[in-house]
Amino acid sequence: TLIRPAMFGSYHPVLNVSAPDRDPHPVTVGGPV
């Protein structure tokens, strides 16, 4: 879907739009590949 992080090590901001006011927690976000 978006190869830039894998290709360039690019940073893209990530936001939980369903619950933006929950307490932040350090997570690793990855896909099904």
Full PDB file with SEQRES, HELIX, SHEET, SSBOND, CRYST1, ORIGX, SCALE, CONECT and MASTER records, all heavy atoms in Angstrom:
SEQRES   1 A   33  THR LEU ILE ARG PRO ALA MET PHE GLY SER TYR HIS PRO          
SEQRES   2 A   33  VAL LEU ASN VAL SER ALA PRO ASP ARG ASP PRO HIS PRO          
SEQRES   3 A   33  VAL THR VAL GLY GLY PRO VAL                                  
HELIX    1 AA1 ARG A    4  PHE A    8  1                                   5    
CRYST1    1.000    1.000    1.000  90.00  90.00  90.00 P 1           1          
ORIGX1      1.000000  0.000000  0.000000        0.00000                         
ORIGX2      0.000000  1.000000  0.000000        0.00000                         
ORIGX3      0.000000  0.000000  1.000000        0.00000                         
SCALE1      1.000000  0.000000  0.000000        0.00000                         
SCALE2      0.000000  1.000000  0.000000        0.00000                         
SCALE3      0.000000  0.000000  1.000000        0.00000                         
ATOM      1  N   THR A   1       0.834  -1.200   0.000  1.00  0.00           N  
ATOM      2  CA  THR A   1       0.000   0.000   0.000  1.00  0.00           C  
ATOM      3  C   THR A   1       0.869   1.251   0.000  1.00  0.00           C  
ATOM      4  O   THR A   1       0.633   2.188  -0.774  1.00  0.00           O  
ATOM      5  CB  THR A   1      -0.901   0.023   1.254  1.00  0.00           C  
ATOM      6  OG1 THR A   1      -1.480  -1.253   1.464  1.00  0.00           O  
ATOM      7  CG2 THR A   1      -1.981   1.080   1.136  1.00  0.00           C  
ATOM      8  N   LEU A   2       1.872   1.269   0.859  1.00  0.00           N  
ATOM      9  CA  LEU A   2       2.788   2.410   0.994  1.00  0.00           C  
ATOM     10  C   LEU A   2       4.181   1.854   1.230  1.00  0.00           C  
ATOM     11  O   LEU A   2       4.480   1.338   2.310  1.00  0.00           O  
ATOM     12  CB  LEU A   2       2.366   3.305   2.161  1.00  0.00           C  
ATOM     13  CG  LEU A   2       3.274   4.517   2.426  1.00  0.00           C  
ATOM     14  CD1 LEU A   2       3.133   5.554   1.314  1.00  0.00           C  
ATOM     15  CD2 LEU A   2       2.967   5.147   3.778  1.00  0.00           C  
ATOM     16  N   ILE A   3       5.049   1.982   0.231  1.00  0.00           N  
ATOM     17  CA  ILE A   3       6.371   1.374   0.312  1.00  0.00           C  
ATOM     18  C   ILE A   3       7.450   2.320   0.828  1.00  0.00           C  
ATOM     19  O   ILE A   3       8.572   1.905   1.123  1.00  0.00           O  
ATOM     20  CB  ILE A   3       6.798   0.791  -1.058  1.00  0.00           C  
ATOM     21  CG1 ILE A   3       7.895  -0.260  -0.867  1.00  0.00           C  
ATOM     22  CG2 ILE A   3       7.208   1.918  -2.018  1.00  0.00           C  
ATOM     23  CD1 ILE A   3       8.249  -1.021  -2.115  1.00  0.00           C  
ATOM     24  N   ARG A   4       7.149   3.591   0.983  1.00  0.00           N  
ATOM     25  CA  ARG A   4       8.190   4.561   1.335  1.00  0.00           C  
ATOM     26  C   ARG A   4       8.938   4.212   2.622  1.00  0.00           C  
ATOM     27  O   ARG A   4      10.169   4.349   2.665  1.00  0.00           O  
ATOM     28  CB  ARG A   4       7.612   5.971   1.420  1.00  0.00           C  
ATOM     29  CG  ARG A   4       7.111   6.503   0.076  1.00  0.00           C  
ATOM     30  CD  ARG A   4       6.776   7.988   0.133  1.00  0.00           C  
ATOM     31  NE  ARG A   4       7.984   8.794   0.228  1.00  0.00           N  
ATOM     32  CZ  ARG A   4       8.406   9.396   1.329  1.00  0.00           C  
ATOM     33  NH1 ARG A   4       7.721   9.296   2.454  1.00  0.00           N  
ATOM     34  NH2 ARG A   4       9.509  10.110   1.308  1.00  0.00           N  
ATOM     35  N   PRO A   5       8.264   3.788   3.709  1.00  0.00           N  
ATOM     36  CA  PRO A   5       9.039   3.429   4.906  1.00  0.00           C  
ATOM     37  C   PRO A   5      10.020   2.282   4.651  1.00  0.00           C  
ATOM     38  O   PRO A   5      11.148   2.300   5.155  1.00  0.00           O  
ATOM     39  CB  PRO A   5       7.958   3.026   5.919  1.00  0.00           C  
ATOM     40  CG  PRO A   5       6.753   3.787   5.494  1.00  0.00           C  
ATOM     41  CD  PRO A   5       6.811   3.767   3.982  1.00  0.00           C  
ATOM     42  N   ALA A   6       9.613   1.280   3.864  1.00  0.00           N  
ATOM     43  CA  ALA A   6      10.502   0.159   3.566  1.00  0.00           C  
ATOM     44  C   ALA A   6      11.597   0.559   2.590  1.00  0.00           C  
ATOM     45  O   ALA A   6      12.743   0.117   2.701  1.00  0.00           O  
ATOM     46  CB  ALA A   6       9.697  -1.005   2.998  1.00  0.00           C  
ATOM     47  N   MET A   7      11.289   1.416   1.619  1.00  0.00           N  
ATOM     48  CA  MET A   7      12.244   1.778   0.568  1.00  0.00           C  
ATOM     49  C   MET A   7      13.239   2.839   1.030  1.00  0.00           C  
ATOM     50  O   MET A   7      14.442   2.755   0.751  1.00  0.00           O  
ATOM     51  CB  MET A   7      11.486   2.295  -0.663  1.00  0.00           C  
ATOM     52  CG  MET A   7      12.391   2.697  -1.813  1.00  0.00           C  
ATOM     53  SD  MET A   7      11.479   3.320  -3.251  1.00  0.00           S  
ATOM     54  CE  MET A   7      10.731   1.817  -3.879  1.00  0.00           C  
ATOM     55  N   PHE A   8      12.754   3.846   1.735  1.00  0.00           N  
ATOM     56  CA  PHE A   8      13.594   4.983   2.109  1.00  0.00           C  
ATOM     57  C   PHE A   8      13.805   5.120   3.615  1.00  0.00           C  
ATOM     58  O   PHE A   8      14.508   6.041   4.044  1.00  0.00           O  
ATOM     59  CB  PHE A   8      12.973   6.297   1.617  1.00  0.00           C  
ATOM     60  CG  PHE A   8      12.775   6.387   0.133  1.00  0.00           C  
ATOM     61  CD1 PHE A   8      11.516   6.540  -0.407  1.00  0.00           C  
ATOM     62  CD2 PHE A   8      13.846   6.311  -0.732  1.00  0.00           C  
ATOM     63  CE1 PHE A   8      11.316   6.627  -1.778  1.00  0.00           C  
ATOM     64  CE2 PHE A   8      13.677   6.400  -2.104  1.00  0.00           C  
ATOM     65  CZ  PHE A   8      12.407   6.549  -2.629  1.00  0.00           C  
ATOM     66  N   GLY A   9      13.166   4.257   4.414  1.00  0.00           N  
ATOM     67  CA  GLY A   9      13.197   4.469   5.864  1.00  0.00           C  
ATOM     68  C   GLY A   9      12.400   5.696   6.257  1.00  0.00           C  
ATOM     69  O   GLY A   9      12.677   6.332   7.272  1.00  0.00           O  
ATOM     70  N   SER A  10      11.405   6.048   5.457  1.00  0.00           N  
ATOM     71  CA  SER A  10      10.678   7.304   5.638  1.00  0.00           C  
ATOM     72  C   SER A  10       9.775   7.268   6.871  1.00  0.00           C  
ATOM     73  O   SER A  10       9.174   6.241   7.195  1.00  0.00           O  
ATOM     74  CB  SER A  10       9.815   7.600   4.409  1.00  0.00           C  
ATOM     75  OG  SER A  10      10.607   7.665   3.257  1.00  0.00           O  
ATOM     76  N   TYR A  11       9.672   8.401   7.514  1.00  0.00           N  
ATOM     77  CA  TYR A  11       8.773   8.586   8.646  1.00  0.00           C  
ATOM     78  C   TYR A  11       7.424   9.092   8.131  1.00  0.00           C  
ATOM     79  O   TYR A  11       7.362  10.045   7.360  1.00  0.00           O  
ATOM     80  CB  TYR A  11       9.360   9.617   9.612  1.00  0.00           C  
ATOM     81  CG  TYR A  11       8.518   9.891  10.838  1.00  0.00           C  
ATOM     82  CD1 TYR A  11       8.798   9.274  12.047  1.00  0.00           C  
ATOM     83  CD2 TYR A  11       7.446  10.783  10.787  1.00  0.00           C  
ATOM     84  CE1 TYR A  11       8.034   9.529  13.184  1.00  0.00           C  
ATOM     85  CE2 TYR A  11       6.670  11.039  11.908  1.00  0.00           C  
ATOM     86  CZ  TYR A  11       6.968  10.410  13.098  1.00  0.00           C  
ATOM     87  OH  TYR A  11       6.209  10.671  14.218  1.00  0.00           O  
ATOM     88  N   HIS A  12       6.358   8.425   8.557  1.00  0.00           N  
ATOM     89  CA  HIS A  12       5.001   8.897   8.295  1.00  0.00           C  
ATOM     90  C   HIS A  12       4.257   8.933   9.622  1.00  0.00           C  
ATOM     91  O   HIS A  12       4.277   7.939  10.359  1.00  0.00           O  
ATOM     92  CB  HIS A  12       4.263   7.968   7.315  1.00  0.00           C  
ATOM     93  CG  HIS A  12       4.697   8.111   5.901  1.00  0.00           C  
ATOM     94  ND1 HIS A  12       4.014   8.884   4.972  1.00  0.00           N  
ATOM     95  CD2 HIS A  12       5.762   7.604   5.238  1.00  0.00           C  
ATOM     96  CE1 HIS A  12       4.640   8.829   3.813  1.00  0.00           C  
ATOM     97  NE2 HIS A  12       5.701   8.054   3.944  1.00  0.00           N  
ATOM     98  N   PRO A  13       3.607  10.026   9.961  1.00  0.00           N  
ATOM     99  CA  PRO A  13       2.855  10.076  11.221  1.00  0.00           C  
ATOM    100  C   PRO A  13       1.714   9.070  11.219  1.00  0.00           C  
ATOM    101  O   PRO A  13       1.137   8.765  10.170  1.00  0.00           O  
ATOM    102  CB  PRO A  13       2.337  11.522  11.259  1.00  0.00           C  
ATOM    103  CG  PRO A  13       2.333  11.971   9.833  1.00  0.00           C  
ATOM    104  CD  PRO A  13       3.475  11.262   9.172  1.00  0.00           C  
ATOM    105  N   VAL A  14       1.404   8.539  12.395  1.00  0.00           N  
ATOM    106  CA  VAL A  14       0.333   7.569  12.566  1.00  0.00           C  
ATOM    107  C   VAL A  14      -0.603   8.071  13.658  1.00  0.00           C  
ATOM    108  O   VAL A  14      -0.153   8.498  14.722  1.00  0.00           O  
ATOM    109  CB  VAL A  14       0.885   6.179  12.943  1.00  0.00           C  
ATOM    110  CG1 VAL A  14      -0.254   5.198  13.202  1.00  0.00           C  
ATOM    111  CG2 VAL A  14       1.810   5.650  11.850  1.00  0.00           C  
ATOM    112  N   LEU A  15      -1.912   8.025  13.395  1.00  0.00           N  
ATOM    113  CA  LEU A  15      -2.905   8.538  14.339  1.00  0.00           C  
ATOM    114  C   LEU A  15      -4.057   7.550  14.463  1.00  0.00           C  
ATOM    115  O   LEU A  15      -4.549   7.031  13.456  1.00  0.00           O  
ATOM    116  CB  LEU A  15      -3.447   9.888  13.846  1.00  0.00           C  
ATOM    117  CG  LEU A  15      -4.580  10.519  14.658  1.00  0.00           C  
ATOM    118  CD1 LEU A  15      -4.043  11.059  15.977  1.00  0.00           C  
ATOM    119  CD2 LEU A  15      -5.240  11.647  13.866  1.00  0.00           C  
ATOM    120  N   ASN A  16      -4.473   7.277  15.683  1.00  0.00           N  
ATOM    121  CA  ASN A  16      -5.659   6.466  15.914  1.00  0.00           C  
ATOM    122  C   ASN A  16      -6.870   7.380  15.797  1.00  0.00           C  
ATOM    123  O   ASN A  16      -7.198   8.117  16.721  1.00  0.00           O  
ATOM    124  CB  ASN A  16      -5.597   5.823  17.309  1.00  0.00           C  
ATOM    125  CG  ASN A  16      -6.749   4.864  17.560  1.00  0.00           C  
ATOM    126  OD1 ASN A  16      -7.753   4.883  16.863  1.00  0.00           O  
ATOM    127  ND2 ASN A  16      -6.600   4.027  18.580  1.00  0.00           N  
ATOM    128  N   VAL A  17      -7.537   7.360  14.654  1.00  0.00           N  
ATOM    129  CA  VAL A  17      -8.649   8.285  14.446  1.00  0.00           C  
ATOM    130  C   VAL A  17      -9.916   7.808  15.152  1.00  0.00           C  
ATOM    131  O   VAL A  17     -10.842   8.592  15.368  1.00  0.00           O  
ATOM    132  CB  VAL A  17      -8.942   8.508  12.938  1.00  0.00           C  
ATOM    133  CG1 VAL A  17      -7.747   9.138  12.257  1.00  0.00           C  
ATOM    134  CG2 VAL A  17      -9.339   7.227  12.245  1.00  0.00           C  
ATOM    135  N   SER A  18      -9.969   6.532  15.517  1.00  0.00           N  
ATOM    136  CA  SER A  18     -11.149   6.032  16.234  1.00  0.00           C  
ATOM    137  C   SER A  18     -11.167   6.492  17.690  1.00  0.00           C  
ATOM    138  O   SER A  18     -12.242   6.689  18.262  1.00  0.00           O  
ATOM    139  CB  SER A  18     -11.184   4.489  16.199  1.00  0.00           C  
ATOM    140  OG  SER A  18     -11.360   4.019  14.896  1.00  0.00           O  
ATOM    141  N   ALA A  19      -9.972   6.638  18.260  1.00  0.00           N  
ATOM    142  CA  ALA A  19      -9.897   7.016  19.685  1.00  0.00           C  
ATOM    143  C   ALA A  19      -8.664   7.862  19.931  1.00  0.00           C  
ATOM    144  O   ALA A  19      -7.729   7.450  20.615  1.00  0.00           O  
ATOM    145  CB  ALA A  19      -9.884   5.766  20.556  1.00  0.00           C  
ATOM    146  N   PRO A  20      -8.622   9.063  19.378  1.00  0.00           N  
ATOM    147  CA  PRO A  20      -7.411   9.888  19.484  1.00  0.00           C  
ATOM    148  C   PRO A  20      -7.103  10.349  20.902  1.00  0.00           C  
ATOM    149  O   PRO A  20      -5.970  10.757  21.187  1.00  0.00           O  
ATOM    150  CB  PRO A  20      -7.722  11.085  18.574  1.00  0.00           C  
ATOM    151  CG  PRO A  20      -9.212  11.152  18.524  1.00  0.00           C  
ATOM    152  CD  PRO A  20      -9.679   9.735  18.591  1.00  0.00           C  
ATOM    153  N   ASP A  21      -8.095  10.278  21.808  1.00  0.00           N  
ATOM    154  CA  ASP A  21      -7.890  10.784  23.167  1.00  0.00           C  
ATOM    155  C   ASP A  21      -7.463   9.709  24.154  1.00  0.00           C  
ATOM    156  O   ASP A  21      -7.259  10.010  25.340  1.00  0.00           O  
ATOM    157  CB  ASP A  21      -9.181  11.446  23.663  1.00  0.00           C  
ATOM    158  CG  ASP A  21      -9.548  12.670  22.838  1.00  0.00           C  
ATOM    159  OD1 ASP A  21      -8.624  13.349  22.368  1.00  0.00           O  
ATOM    160  OD2 ASP A  21     -10.758  12.921  22.646  1.00  0.00           O  
ATOM    161  N   ARG A  22      -7.330   8.458  23.702  1.00  0.00           N  
ATOM    162  CA  ARG A  22      -6.795   7.445  24.610  1.00  0.00           C  
ATOM    163  C   ARG A  22      -5.349   7.774  24.971  1.00  0.00           C  
ATOM    164  O   ARG A  22      -4.644   8.465  24.239  1.00  0.00           O  
ATOM    165  CB  ARG A  22      -6.840   6.065  23.946  1.00  0.00           C  
ATOM    166  CG  ARG A  22      -8.205   5.430  23.889  1.00  0.00           C  
ATOM    167  CD  ARG A  22      -8.077   3.954  23.498  1.00  0.00           C  
ATOM    168  NE  ARG A  22      -9.343   3.470  22.951  1.00  0.00           N  
ATOM    169  CZ  ARG A  22      -9.476   2.751  21.858  1.00  0.00           C  
ATOM    170  NH1 ARG A  22      -8.399   2.424  21.158  1.00  0.00           N  
ATOM    171  NH2 ARG A  22     -10.667   2.352  21.454  1.00  0.00           N  
ATOM    172  N   ASP A  23      -4.910   7.223  26.093  1.00  0.00           N  
ATOM    173  CA  ASP A  23      -3.519   7.443  26.490  1.00  0.00           C  
ATOM    174  C   ASP A  23      -2.584   6.871  25.431  1.00  0.00           C  
ATOM    175  O   ASP A  23      -2.802   5.758  24.936  1.00  0.00           O  
ATOM    176  CB  ASP A  23      -3.243   6.768  27.832  1.00  0.00           C  
ATOM    177  CG  ASP A  23      -3.948   7.461  28.992  1.00  0.00           C  
ATOM    178  OD1 ASP A  23      -4.271   8.657  28.842  1.00  0.00           O  
ATOM    179  OD2 ASP A  23      -4.183   6.800  30.019  1.00  0.00           O  
ATOM    180  N   PRO A  24      -1.537   7.604  25.084  1.00  0.00           N  
ATOM    181  CA  PRO A  24      -0.592   7.094  24.088  1.00  0.00           C  
ATOM    182  C   PRO A  24       0.203   5.920  24.640  1.00  0.00           C  
ATOM    183  O   PRO A  24       0.517   5.853  25.832  1.00  0.00           O  
ATOM    184  CB  PRO A  24       0.311   8.296  23.799  1.00  0.00           C  
ATOM    185  CG  PRO A  24       0.179   9.177  25.004  1.00  0.00           C  
ATOM    186  CD  PRO A  24      -1.192   8.965  25.534  1.00  0.00           C  
ATOM    187  N   HIS A  25       0.524   5.002  23.750  1.00  0.00           N  
ATOM    188  CA  HIS A  25       1.268   3.801  24.119  1.00  0.00           C  
ATOM    189  C   HIS A  25       2.274   3.512  23.015  1.00  0.00           C  
ATOM    190  O   HIS A  25       1.938   3.605  21.832  1.00  0.00           O  
ATOM    191  CB  HIS A  25       0.297   2.620  24.272  1.00  0.00           C  
ATOM    192  CG  HIS A  25       0.945   1.375  24.790  1.00  0.00           C  
ATOM    193  ND1 HIS A  25       1.325   1.229  26.103  1.00  0.00           N  
ATOM    194  CD2 HIS A  25       1.283   0.212  24.166  1.00  0.00           C  
ATOM    195  CE1 HIS A  25       1.859   0.026  26.277  1.00  0.00           C  
ATOM    196  NE2 HIS A  25       1.846  -0.607  25.112  1.00  0.00           N  
ATOM    197  N   PRO A  26       3.520   3.201  23.347  1.00  0.00           N  
ATOM    198  CA  PRO A  26       4.503   2.914  22.296  1.00  0.00           C  
ATOM    199  C   PRO A  26       4.180   1.604  21.591  1.00  0.00           C  
ATOM    200  O   PRO A  26       4.111   0.542  22.220  1.00  0.00           O  
ATOM    201  CB  PRO A  26       5.837   2.830  23.051  1.00  0.00           C  
ATOM    202  CG  PRO A  26       5.460   2.529  24.465  1.00  0.00           C  
ATOM    203  CD  PRO A  26       4.114   3.146  24.697  1.00  0.00           C  
ATOM    204  N   VAL A  27       3.982   1.677  20.287  1.00  0.00           N  
ATOM    205  CA  VAL A  27       3.598   0.504  19.509  1.00  0.00           C  
ATOM    206  C   VAL A  27       4.418   0.428  18.233  1.00  0.00           C  
ATOM    207  O   VAL A  27       4.923   1.433  17.733  1.00  0.00           O  
ATOM    208  CB  VAL A  27       2.094   0.521  19.154  1.00  0.00           C  
ATOM    209  CG1 VAL A  27       1.238   0.445  20.406  1.00  0.00           C  
ATOM    210  CG2 VAL A  27       1.735   1.757  18.324  1.00  0.00           C  
ATOM    211  N   THR A  28       4.523  -0.782  17.713  1.00  0.00           N  
ATOM    212  CA  THR A  28       5.075  -1.019  16.382  1.00  0.00           C  
ATOM    213  C   THR A  28       3.913  -1.364  15.471  1.00  0.00           C  
ATOM    214  O   THR A  28       3.154  -2.294  15.760  1.00  0.00           O  
ATOM    215  CB  THR A  28       6.097  -2.165  16.413  1.00  0.00           C  
ATOM    216  OG1 THR A  28       7.241  -1.744  17.174  1.00  0.00           O  
ATOM    217  CG2 THR A  28       6.549  -2.535  15.011  1.00  0.00           C  
ATOM    218  N   VAL A  29       3.751  -0.596  14.406  1.00  0.00           N  
ATOM    219  CA  VAL A  29       2.619  -0.754  13.506  1.00  0.00           C  
ATOM    220  C   VAL A  29       3.108  -1.374  12.204  1.00  0.00           C  
ATOM    221  O   VAL A  29       3.991  -0.821  11.544  1.00  0.00           O  
ATOM    222  CB  VAL A  29       1.934   0.594  13.214  1.00  0.00           C  
ATOM    223  CG1 VAL A  29       0.738   0.408  12.293  1.00  0.00           C  
ATOM    224  CG2 VAL A  29       1.509   1.274  14.515  1.00  0.00           C  
ATOM    225  N   GLY A  30       2.551  -2.544  11.866  1.00  0.00           N  
ATOM    226  CA  GLY A  30       2.987  -3.240  10.662  1.00  0.00           C  
ATOM    227  C   GLY A  30       1.829  -3.891   9.939  1.00  0.00           C  
ATOM    228  O   GLY A  30       0.723  -4.018  10.473  1.00  0.00           O  
ATOM    229  N   GLY A  31       2.100  -4.314   8.710  1.00  0.00           N  
ATOM    230  CA  GLY A  31       1.063  -4.897   7.869  1.00  0.00           C  
ATOM    231  C   GLY A  31       1.170  -6.400   7.749  1.00  0.00           C  
ATOM    232  O   GLY A  31       1.962  -7.041   8.453  1.00  0.00           O  
ATOM    233  N   PRO A  32       0.423  -6.994   6.815  1.00  0.00           N  
ATOM    234  CA  PRO A  32       0.334  -8.445   6.677  1.00  0.00           C  
ATOM    235  C   PRO A  32       1.333  -9.076   5.714  1.00  0.00           C  
ATOM    236  O   PRO A  32       1.221 -10.269   5.412  1.00  0.00           O  
ATOM    237  CB  PRO A  32      -1.101  -8.640   6.170  1.00  0.00           C  
ATOM    238  CG  PRO A  32      -1.363  -7.425   5.356  1.00  0.00           C  
ATOM    239  CD  PRO A  32      -0.626  -6.304   6.037  1.00  0.00           C  
ATOM    240  N   VAL A  33       2.295  -8.308   5.209  1.00  0.00           N  
ATOM    241  CA  VAL A  33       3.259  -8.854   4.260  1.00  0.00           C  
ATOM    242  C   VAL A  33       4.377  -9.579   5.013  1.00  0.00           C  
ATOM    243  O   VAL A  33       4.829  -9.133   6.063  1.00  0.00           O  
ATOM    244  CB  VAL A  33       3.836  -7.736   3.367  1.00  0.00           C  
ATOM    245  CG1 VAL A  33       5.072  -8.204   2.614  1.00  0.00           C  
ATOM    246  CG2 VAL A  33       2.774  -7.275   2.372  1.00  0.00           C  
TER     247      VAL A  33                                                      
MASTER        0    0    0    1    0    0    0    6  246    1    0    3          
END                                                                             
